[in-house]
């Protein structure tokens, strides 16, 4: 598997825009969902998103956006199925930004909602620095159970995060940092909560996410490191001054 430090992405114009991210064992990219209300996914060339995975059907998945910007995912009778966690979708399911669907055996789709950033705050990207980044963040393992290695560049202090809520947050922030040239690197808090706990995360105490972030940043502080790796504003978060390397698989290691 090769290191990925960039993503194929089309420019998104506004904060309500949606992007479909594709994750496979050897491939990661993202494509814009334009103003059309429907978005088709499959191996056939008639789809909006054409996938080369042989376990994906020619007409596999239909995404439809409602007037309220909600998204419905419908399996189109695919042979190997569309999976939400361990459940095979029969018919349709409402999909929230941050949730992941598996198509066939090894392709994963993630719906991404771009968060508009203030023009007064410059976007931080892995390649936009005149000097070396203060941090290196490497994400390994499966997207369902990632681990993370955080290195402070000047001191060479290393922190390893085994699969945990903290590692999952770092994975989601790192994925957005890779695409930061198009969205400032910010992730909406609701999307982080969905990524951590599924849709029930929106019903849990909103302070649960703050606890995860506090513990993550406290661990950095206990090692004598600056907490500035993670910047937190009202209802959104991002990595700051970090070089990101993603080596993720859609499936756990045996």
C-alpha atoms as a PDB file:
ATOM      1  CA  UNK A   1       0.000   0.000   0.000  1.00  0.00           C
ATOM      2  CA  UNK A   2       1.404   3.388  -0.900  1.00  0.00           C
ATOM      3  CA  UNK A   3       1.522   6.487   1.275  1.00  0.00           C
ATOM      4  CA  UNK A   4      -1.128   9.011   0.308  1.00  0.00           C
ATOM      5  CA  UNK A   5      -0.398  12.687   0.905  1.00  0.00           C
ATOM      6  CA  UNK A   6      -2.897  14.231  -1.494  1.00  0.00           C
ATOM      7  CA  UNK A   7      -6.431  13.591  -2.706  1.00  0.00           C
ATOM      8  CA  UNK A   8      -8.076  13.917  -6.108  1.00  0.00           C
ATOM      9  CA  UNK A   9     -10.777  16.459  -5.433  1.00  0.00           C
ATOM     10  CA  UNK A  10     -12.876  18.936  -7.362  1.00  0.00           C
ATOM     11  CA  UNK A  11     -13.424  22.403  -5.920  1.00  0.00           C
ATOM     12  CA  UNK A  12     -16.522  22.762  -3.776  1.00  0.00           C
ATOM     13  CA  UNK A  13     -18.197  26.152  -3.737  1.00  0.00           C
ATOM     14  CA  UNK A  14     -20.127  26.390  -0.470  1.00  0.00           C
ATOM     15  CA  UNK A  15     -20.435  24.979   3.039  1.00  0.00           C
ATOM     16  CA  UNK A  16     -23.469  22.852   2.153  1.00  0.00           C
ATOM     17  CA  UNK A  17     -21.643  21.047  -0.637  1.00  0.00           C
ATOM     18  CA  UNK A  18     -21.149  17.323  -0.385  1.00  0.00           C
ATOM     19  CA  UNK A  19     -18.216  15.183  -1.458  1.00  0.00           C
ATOM     20  CA  UNK A  20     -18.089  11.400  -1.753  1.00  0.00           C
ATOM     21  CA  UNK A  21     -14.764  10.006  -0.535  1.00  0.00           C
ATOM     22  CA  UNK A  22     -13.647   6.603  -1.801  1.00  0.00           C
ATOM     23  CA  UNK A  23     -11.406   4.389   0.343  1.00  0.00           C
ATOM     24  CA  UNK A  24      -9.906   1.108  -0.854  1.00  0.00           C
ATOM     25  CA  UNK A  25      -6.939  -0.918   0.286  1.00  0.00           C
ATOM     26  CA  UNK A  26      -4.729   0.665  -2.375  1.00  0.00           C
ATOM     27  CA  UNK A  27      -6.647   3.795  -3.357  1.00  0.00           C
ATOM     28  CA  UNK A  28      -8.069   6.957  -1.794  1.00  0.00           C
ATOM     29  CA  UNK A  29      -9.726   9.854  -3.606  1.00  0.00           C
ATOM     30  CA  UNK A  30     -12.769  12.100  -3.397  1.00  0.00           C
ATOM     31  CA  UNK A  31     -15.192  13.493  -5.969  1.00  0.00           C
ATOM     32  CA  UNK A  32     -17.639  16.348  -5.839  1.00  0.00           C
ATOM     33  CA  UNK A  33     -21.356  15.728  -5.774  1.00  0.00           C
ATOM     34  CA  UNK A  34     -22.622  18.516  -7.993  1.00  0.00           C
ATOM     35  CA  UNK A  35     -25.987  20.254  -7.794  1.00  0.00           C
ATOM     36  CA  UNK A  36     -27.796  17.215  -9.208  1.00  0.00           C
ATOM     37  CA  UNK A  37     -30.268  15.596  -6.825  1.00  0.00           C
ATOM     38  CA  UNK A  38     -29.047  12.058  -7.589  1.00  0.00           C
ATOM     39  CA  UNK A  39     -25.592  10.488  -7.653  1.00  0.00           C
ATOM     40  CA  UNK A  40     -25.050   6.977  -9.037  1.00  0.00           C
ATOM     41  CA  UNK A  41     -22.180   4.699  -8.082  1.00  0.00           C
ATOM     42  CA  UNK A  42     -21.032   1.486  -9.789  1.00  0.00           C
ATOM     43  CA  UNK A  43     -18.688  -0.122 -12.319  1.00  0.00           C
ATOM     44  CA  UNK A  44     -20.677   1.013 -15.369  1.00  0.00           C
ATOM     45  CA  UNK A  45     -19.593   4.116 -17.270  1.00  0.00           C
ATOM     46  CA  UNK A  46     -23.086   5.606 -16.936  1.00  0.00           C
ATOM     47  CA  UNK A  47     -22.502   6.301 -13.231  1.00  0.00           C
ATOM     48  CA  UNK A  48     -21.454   9.620 -11.699  1.00  0.00           C
ATOM     49  CA  UNK A  49     -18.770   7.701  -9.819  1.00  0.00           C
ATOM     50  CA  UNK A  50     -17.220   4.790 -11.723  1.00  0.00           C
ATOM     51  CA  UNK A  51     -15.384   2.229  -9.589  1.00  0.00           C
ATOM     52  CA  UNK A  52     -12.956  -0.439 -10.764  1.00  0.00           C
ATOM     53  CA  UNK A  53     -13.636  -2.844  -7.914  1.00  0.00           C
ATOM     54  CA  UNK A  54     -14.739  -6.192  -9.466  1.00  0.00           C
ATOM     55  CA  UNK A  55     -16.951  -6.884  -6.428  1.00  0.00           C
ATOM     56  CA  UNK A  56     -18.977  -3.720  -7.142  1.00  0.00           C
ATOM     57  CA  UNK A  57     -21.943  -4.133  -9.508  1.00  0.00           C
ATOM     58  CA  UNK A  58     -22.390  -2.136 -12.717  1.00  0.00           C
ATOM     59  CA  UNK A  59     -25.356  -0.340 -11.096  1.00  0.00           C
ATOM     60  CA  UNK A  60     -24.639  -0.595  -7.403  1.00  0.00           C
ATOM     61  CA  UNK A  61     -25.751   2.411  -5.353  1.00  0.00           C
ATOM     62  CA  UNK A  62     -27.993   5.441  -5.754  1.00  0.00           C
ATOM     63  CA  UNK A  63     -27.556   8.503  -3.553  1.00  0.00           C
ATOM     64  CA  UNK A  64     -30.390  11.041  -3.554  1.00  0.00           C
ATOM     65  CA  UNK A  65     -30.368  14.467  -1.952  1.00  0.00           C
ATOM     66  CA  UNK A  66     -33.573  15.941  -0.586  1.00  0.00           C
ATOM     67  CA  UNK A  67     -34.647  19.565  -0.483  1.00  0.00           C
ATOM     68  CA  UNK A  68     -33.414  19.760   3.122  1.00  0.00           C
ATOM     69  CA  UNK A  69     -29.962  18.478   2.024  1.00  0.00           C
ATOM     70  CA  UNK A  70     -30.630  15.055   3.579  1.00  0.00           C
ATOM     71  CA  UNK A  71     -29.208  12.055   1.709  1.00  0.00           C
ATOM     72  CA  UNK A  72     -30.850   8.696   1.024  1.00  0.00           C
ATOM     73  CA  UNK A  73     -28.722   5.718  -0.058  1.00  0.00           C
ATOM     74  CA  UNK A  74     -30.436   2.925  -2.023  1.00  0.00           C
ATOM     75  CA  UNK A  75     -28.832  -0.361  -3.060  1.00  0.00           C
ATOM     76  CA  UNK A  76     -29.713  -1.033  -6.710  1.00  0.00           C
ATOM     77  CA  UNK A  77     -29.927  -4.806  -6.374  1.00  0.00           C
ATOM     78  CA  UNK A  78     -26.162  -5.312  -6.282  1.00  0.00           C
ATOM     79  CA  UNK A  79     -24.757  -8.841  -6.156  1.00  0.00           C
ATOM     80  CA  UNK A  80     -22.363  -8.323  -3.234  1.00  0.00           C
ATOM     81  CA  UNK A  81     -24.415  -5.766  -1.385  1.00  0.00           C
ATOM     82  CA  UNK A  82     -24.061  -2.389   0.268  1.00  0.00           C
ATOM     83  CA  UNK A  83     -23.203  -2.595   3.954  1.00  0.00           C
ATOM     84  CA  UNK A  84     -23.773  -0.174   6.826  1.00  0.00           C
ATOM     85  CA  UNK A  85     -21.560  -1.595   9.554  1.00  0.00           C
ATOM     86  CA  UNK A  86     -22.425  -5.301   9.766  1.00  0.00           C
ATOM     87  CA  UNK A  87     -25.878  -4.785   8.233  1.00  0.00           C
ATOM     88  CA  UNK A  88     -26.595  -5.300   4.550  1.00  0.00           C
ATOM     89  CA  UNK A  89     -28.886  -2.564   3.245  1.00  0.00           C
ATOM     90  CA  UNK A  90     -32.214  -3.824   1.966  1.00  0.00           C
ATOM     91  CA  UNK A  91     -33.907  -0.934   0.201  1.00  0.00           C
ATOM     92  CA  UNK A  92     -32.905   2.542   1.394  1.00  0.00           C
ATOM     93  CA  UNK A  93     -31.182   4.144   4.350  1.00  0.00           C
ATOM     94  CA  UNK A  94     -30.695   7.764   5.337  1.00  0.00           C
ATOM     95  CA  UNK A  95     -26.994   8.623   5.303  1.00  0.00           C
ATOM     96  CA  UNK A  96     -25.387  11.311   7.432  1.00  0.00           C
ATOM     97  CA  UNK A  97     -22.051  13.053   6.690  1.00  0.00           C
ATOM     98  CA  UNK A  98     -19.297  11.113   8.419  1.00  0.00           C
ATOM     99  CA  UNK A  99     -20.992   7.718   8.037  1.00  0.00           C
ATOM    100  CA  UNK A 100     -19.361   4.987   5.979  1.00  0.00           C
ATOM    101  CA  UNK A 101     -20.840   2.470   3.552  1.00  0.00           C
ATOM    102  CA  UNK A 102     -19.025  -0.585   2.206  1.00  0.00           C
ATOM    103  CA  UNK A 103     -19.703  -1.628  -1.380  1.00  0.00           C
ATOM    104  CA  UNK A 104     -18.838  -5.213  -2.231  1.00  0.00           C
ATOM    105  CA  UNK A 105     -15.786  -6.531  -0.429  1.00  0.00           C
ATOM    106  CA  UNK A 106     -13.271  -3.691  -0.275  1.00  0.00           C
ATOM    107  CA  UNK A 107     -14.638  -0.294  -1.361  1.00  0.00           C
ATOM    108  CA  UNK A 108     -15.801   2.159   1.272  1.00  0.00           C
ATOM    109  CA  UNK A 109     -17.691   5.401   0.663  1.00  0.00           C
ATOM    110  CA  UNK A 110     -17.750   8.294   3.112  1.00  0.00           C
ATOM    111  CA  UNK A 111     -20.069  11.252   2.718  1.00  0.00           C
ATOM    112  CA  UNK A 112     -18.234  14.495   3.509  1.00  0.00           C
ATOM    113  CA  UNK A 113     -19.800  17.861   4.275  1.00  0.00           C
ATOM    114  CA  UNK A 114     -17.484  20.778   3.672  1.00  0.00           C
ATOM    115  CA  UNK A 115     -17.288  23.367   6.427  1.00  0.00           C
ATOM    116  CA  UNK A 116     -16.744  26.900   5.185  1.00  0.00           C
ATOM    117  CA  UNK A 117     -13.766  28.519   6.859  1.00  0.00           C
ATOM    118  CA  UNK A 118     -13.177  32.153   7.635  1.00  0.00           C
ATOM    119  CA  UNK A 119     -11.061  33.934   5.012  1.00  0.00           C
ATOM    120  CA  UNK A 120      -9.223  35.585   7.920  1.00  0.00           C
ATOM    121  CA  UNK A 121      -7.832  32.176   8.895  1.00  0.00           C
ATOM    122  CA  UNK A 122      -5.404  30.824   6.277  1.00  0.00           C
ATOM    123  CA  UNK A 123      -5.975  27.232   5.212  1.00  0.00           C
ATOM    124  CA  UNK A 124      -3.286  24.874   6.451  1.00  0.00           C
ATOM    125  CA  UNK A 125      -2.213  22.237   3.948  1.00  0.00           C
ATOM    126  CA  UNK A 126       0.533  19.583   4.038  1.00  0.00           C
ATOM    127  CA  UNK A 127       2.446  21.391   1.287  1.00  0.00           C
ATOM    128  CA  UNK A 128       1.717  25.071   1.967  1.00  0.00           C
ATOM    129  CA  UNK A 129       4.506  25.709   4.474  1.00  0.00           C
ATOM    130  CA  UNK A 130       7.653  27.684   3.834  1.00  0.00           C
ATOM    131  CA  UNK A 131       9.235  25.871   6.813  1.00  0.00           C
ATOM    132  CA  UNK A 132       8.867  22.240   7.936  1.00  0.00           C
ATOM    133  CA  UNK A 133       5.603  21.327   9.619  1.00  0.00           C
ATOM    134  CA  UNK A 134       5.668  21.286  13.411  1.00  0.00           C
ATOM    135  CA  UNK A 135       3.893  17.932  13.477  1.00  0.00           C
ATOM    136  CA  UNK A 136       3.824  14.640  11.627  1.00  0.00           C
ATOM    137  CA  UNK A 137       0.660  12.551  11.896  1.00  0.00           C
ATOM    138  CA  UNK A 138       0.648   9.019  10.506  1.00  0.00           C
ATOM    139  CA  UNK A 139      -2.554   6.962  10.450  1.00  0.00           C
ATOM    140  CA  UNK A 140      -2.335   3.183   9.996  1.00  0.00           C
ATOM    141  CA  UNK A 141      -4.575   0.127  10.132  1.00  0.00           C
ATOM    142  CA  UNK A 142      -8.206  -0.249   9.161  1.00  0.00           C
ATOM    143  CA  UNK A 143     -10.558   2.708   8.852  1.00  0.00           C
ATOM    144  CA  UNK A 144     -12.814   0.984  11.385  1.00  0.00           C
ATOM    145  CA  UNK A 145      -9.973   0.634  13.931  1.00  0.00           C
ATOM    146  CA  UNK A 146      -7.159   3.037  13.057  1.00  0.00           C
ATOM    147  CA  UNK A 147      -4.005   3.655  15.051  1.00  0.00           C
ATOM    148  CA  UNK A 148      -2.032   6.891  15.009  1.00  0.00           C
ATOM    149  CA  UNK A 149       1.556   8.027  15.445  1.00  0.00           C
ATOM    150  CA  UNK A 150       2.042  11.708  16.282  1.00  0.00           C
ATOM    151  CA  UNK A 151       5.570  13.132  16.128  1.00  0.00           C
ATOM    152  CA  UNK A 152       6.632  16.602  17.275  1.00  0.00           C
ATOM    153  CA  UNK A 153       9.169  17.545  14.606  1.00  0.00           C
ATOM    154  CA  UNK A 154      11.597  19.710  16.614  1.00  0.00           C
ATOM    155  CA  UNK A 155      11.813  17.489  19.704  1.00  0.00           C
ATOM    156  CA  UNK A 156      11.184  14.186  17.864  1.00  0.00           C
ATOM    157  CA  UNK A 157       8.860  13.208  20.680  1.00  0.00           C
ATOM    158  CA  UNK A 158       6.538  10.388  19.583  1.00  0.00           C
ATOM    159  CA  UNK A 159       3.069   9.513  20.840  1.00  0.00           C
ATOM    160  CA  UNK A 160       1.338   6.340  19.708  1.00  0.00           C
ATOM    161  CA  UNK A 161      -2.430   6.029  19.863  1.00  0.00           C
ATOM    162  CA  UNK A 162      -3.749   2.501  19.611  1.00  0.00           C
ATOM    163  CA  UNK A 163      -7.291   1.988  18.231  1.00  0.00           C
ATOM    164  CA  UNK A 164      -9.443   4.256  20.357  1.00  0.00           C
ATOM    165  CA  UNK A 165     -11.742   7.262  20.135  1.00  0.00           C
ATOM    166  CA  UNK A 166      -8.642   9.482  20.091  1.00  0.00           C
ATOM    167  CA  UNK A 167      -7.124   7.596  17.148  1.00  0.00           C
ATOM    168  CA  UNK A 168     -10.417   7.755  15.239  1.00  0.00           C
ATOM    169  CA  UNK A 169     -10.638  11.523  15.767  1.00  0.00           C
ATOM    170  CA  UNK A 170      -7.053  11.892  14.555  1.00  0.00           C
ATOM    171  CA  UNK A 171      -7.911   9.812  11.471  1.00  0.00           C
ATOM    172  CA  UNK A 172     -10.900  11.999  10.566  1.00  0.00           C
ATOM    173  CA  UNK A 173      -8.963  15.212  11.154  1.00  0.00           C
ATOM    174  CA  UNK A 174      -6.023  13.856   9.130  1.00  0.00           C
ATOM    175  CA  UNK A 175      -8.266  12.919   6.205  1.00  0.00           C
ATOM    176  CA  UNK A 176      -9.651  16.448   6.127  1.00  0.00           C
ATOM    177  CA  UNK A 177      -6.160  17.959   6.414  1.00  0.00           C
ATOM    178  CA  UNK A 178      -5.167  16.056   3.268  1.00  0.00           C
ATOM    179  CA  UNK A 179      -7.991  17.878   1.486  1.00  0.00           C
ATOM    180  CA  UNK A 180      -7.476  21.192   3.333  1.00  0.00           C
ATOM    181  CA  UNK A 181      -6.801  23.268   0.216  1.00  0.00           C
ATOM    182  CA  UNK A 182     -10.525  22.972  -0.524  1.00  0.00           C
ATOM    183  CA  UNK A 183     -12.058  23.306   2.928  1.00  0.00           C
ATOM    184  CA  UNK A 184      -9.629  24.795   5.436  1.00  0.00           C
ATOM    185  CA  UNK A 185      -9.281  21.445   7.173  1.00  0.00           C
ATOM    186  CA  UNK A 186     -12.294  22.023   9.408  1.00  0.00           C
ATOM    187  CA  UNK A 187     -14.675  19.241  10.437  1.00  0.00           C
ATOM    188  CA  UNK A 188     -18.116  19.948  11.822  1.00  0.00           C
ATOM    189  CA  UNK A 189     -18.571  18.587  15.376  1.00  0.00           C
ATOM    190  CA  UNK A 190     -21.694  16.674  14.355  1.00  0.00           C
ATOM    191  CA  UNK A 191     -19.717  14.843  11.666  1.00  0.00           C
ATOM    192  CA  UNK A 192     -17.040  13.906  14.201  1.00  0.00           C
ATOM    193  CA  UNK A 193     -19.717  12.588  16.556  1.00  0.00           C
ATOM    194  CA  UNK A 194     -21.259  10.492  13.778  1.00  0.00           C
ATOM    195  CA  UNK A 195     -17.835   9.158  12.827  1.00  0.00           C
ATOM    196  CA  UNK A 196     -17.178   8.136  16.444  1.00  0.00           C
ATOM    197  CA  UNK A 197     -20.524   6.768  17.583  1.00  0.00           C
ATOM    198  CA  UNK A 198     -22.710   6.497  14.485  1.00  0.00           C
ATOM    199  CA  UNK A 199     -25.987   8.378  14.272  1.00  0.00           C
ATOM    200  CA  UNK A 200     -26.651   7.768  17.971  1.00  0.00           C
ATOM    201  CA  UNK A 201     -23.759  10.166  18.551  1.00  0.00           C
ATOM    202  CA  UNK A 202     -26.109  13.007  17.637  1.00  0.00           C
ATOM    203  CA  UNK A 203     -28.410  11.951  20.489  1.00  0.00           C
ATOM    204  CA  UNK A 204     -25.664  11.568  23.101  1.00  0.00           C
ATOM    205  CA  UNK A 205     -24.453  14.334  25.365  1.00  0.00           C
ATOM    206  CA  UNK A 206     -22.662  16.811  23.086  1.00  0.00           C
ATOM    207  CA  UNK A 207     -19.948  17.096  25.733  1.00  0.00           C
ATOM    208  CA  UNK A 208     -18.766  13.537  24.935  1.00  0.00           C
ATOM    209  CA  UNK A 209     -16.780  14.815  21.964  1.00  0.00           C
ATOM    210  CA  UNK A 210     -15.249  17.574  24.087  1.00  0.00           C
ATOM    211  CA  UNK A 211     -14.110  14.923  26.574  1.00  0.00           C
ATOM    212  CA  UNK A 212     -12.377  12.935  23.802  1.00  0.00           C
ATOM    213  CA  UNK A 213     -10.627  16.054  22.502  1.00  0.00           C
ATOM    214  CA  UNK A 214      -9.668  17.161  26.017  1.00  0.00           C
ATOM    215  CA  UNK A 215      -8.093  13.790  26.819  1.00  0.00           C
ATOM    216  CA  UNK A 216      -6.239  13.732  23.511  1.00  0.00           C
ATOM    217  CA  UNK A 217      -4.804  17.199  24.029  1.00  0.00           C
ATOM    218  CA  UNK A 218      -4.040  16.458  27.694  1.00  0.00           C
ATOM    219  CA  UNK A 219      -1.876  13.535  26.637  1.00  0.00           C
ATOM    220  CA  UNK A 220       0.133  15.865  24.420  1.00  0.00           C
ATOM    221  CA  UNK A 221       0.505  18.304  27.309  1.00  0.00           C
ATOM    222  CA  UNK A 222       1.692  15.591  29.716  1.00  0.00           C
ATOM    223  CA  UNK A 223       4.505  14.824  27.276  1.00  0.00           C
ATOM    224  CA  UNK A 224       5.547  18.471  27.307  1.00  0.00           C
ATOM    225  CA  UNK A 225       4.156  19.201  23.856  1.00  0.00           C
ATOM    226  CA  UNK A 226       2.230  22.225  22.676  1.00  0.00           C
ATOM    227  CA  UNK A 227      -1.492  21.560  22.320  1.00  0.00           C
ATOM    228  CA  UNK A 228      -1.658  23.495  19.046  1.00  0.00           C
ATOM    229  CA  UNK A 229      -1.811  20.286  16.986  1.00  0.00           C
ATOM    230  CA  UNK A 230      -5.605  20.479  17.292  1.00  0.00           C
ATOM    231  CA  UNK A 231      -7.375  23.793  16.874  1.00  0.00           C
ATOM    232  CA  UNK A 232     -10.896  23.965  18.285  1.00  0.00           C
ATOM    233  CA  UNK A 233     -13.481  26.613  17.500  1.00  0.00           C
ATOM    234  CA  UNK A 234     -17.208  26.656  18.102  1.00  0.00           C
ATOM    235  CA  UNK A 235     -18.702  23.548  16.477  1.00  0.00           C
ATOM    236  CA  UNK A 236     -15.615  22.612  14.442  1.00  0.00           C
ATOM    237  CA  UNK A 237     -12.042  21.304  14.748  1.00  0.00           C
ATOM    238  CA  UNK A 238      -8.939  20.800  12.598  1.00  0.00           C
ATOM    239  CA  UNK A 239      -5.257  19.822  12.685  1.00  0.00           C
ATOM    240  CA  UNK A 240      -2.767  22.680  12.517  1.00  0.00           C
ATOM    241  CA  UNK A 241       0.695  22.699  10.951  1.00  0.00           C
ATOM    242  CA  UNK A 242       0.728  18.947  10.396  1.00  0.00           C
ATOM    243  CA  UNK A 243       2.178  16.747   7.663  1.00  0.00           C
ATOM    244  CA  UNK A 244      -0.173  13.806   7.213  1.00  0.00           C
ATOM    245  CA  UNK A 245       0.494  10.282   5.943  1.00  0.00           C
ATOM    246  CA  UNK A 246      -2.450   7.885   5.543  1.00  0.00           C
ATOM    247  CA  UNK A 247      -1.881   4.143   5.235  1.00  0.00           C
ATOM    248  CA  UNK A 248      -5.376   2.812   5.783  1.00  0.00           C
ATOM    249  CA  UNK A 249      -7.211  -0.284   4.687  1.00  0.00           C
ATOM    250  CA  UNK A 250     -10.952  -0.852   4.671  1.00  0.00           C
ATOM    251  CA  UNK A 251     -10.433  -4.197   6.400  1.00  0.00           C
ATOM    252  CA  UNK A 252      -8.793  -5.100   9.735  1.00  0.00           C
ATOM    253  CA  UNK A 253      -5.450  -6.831   9.607  1.00  0.00           C
ATOM    254  CA  UNK A 254      -5.729 -10.606  10.213  1.00  0.00           C
END
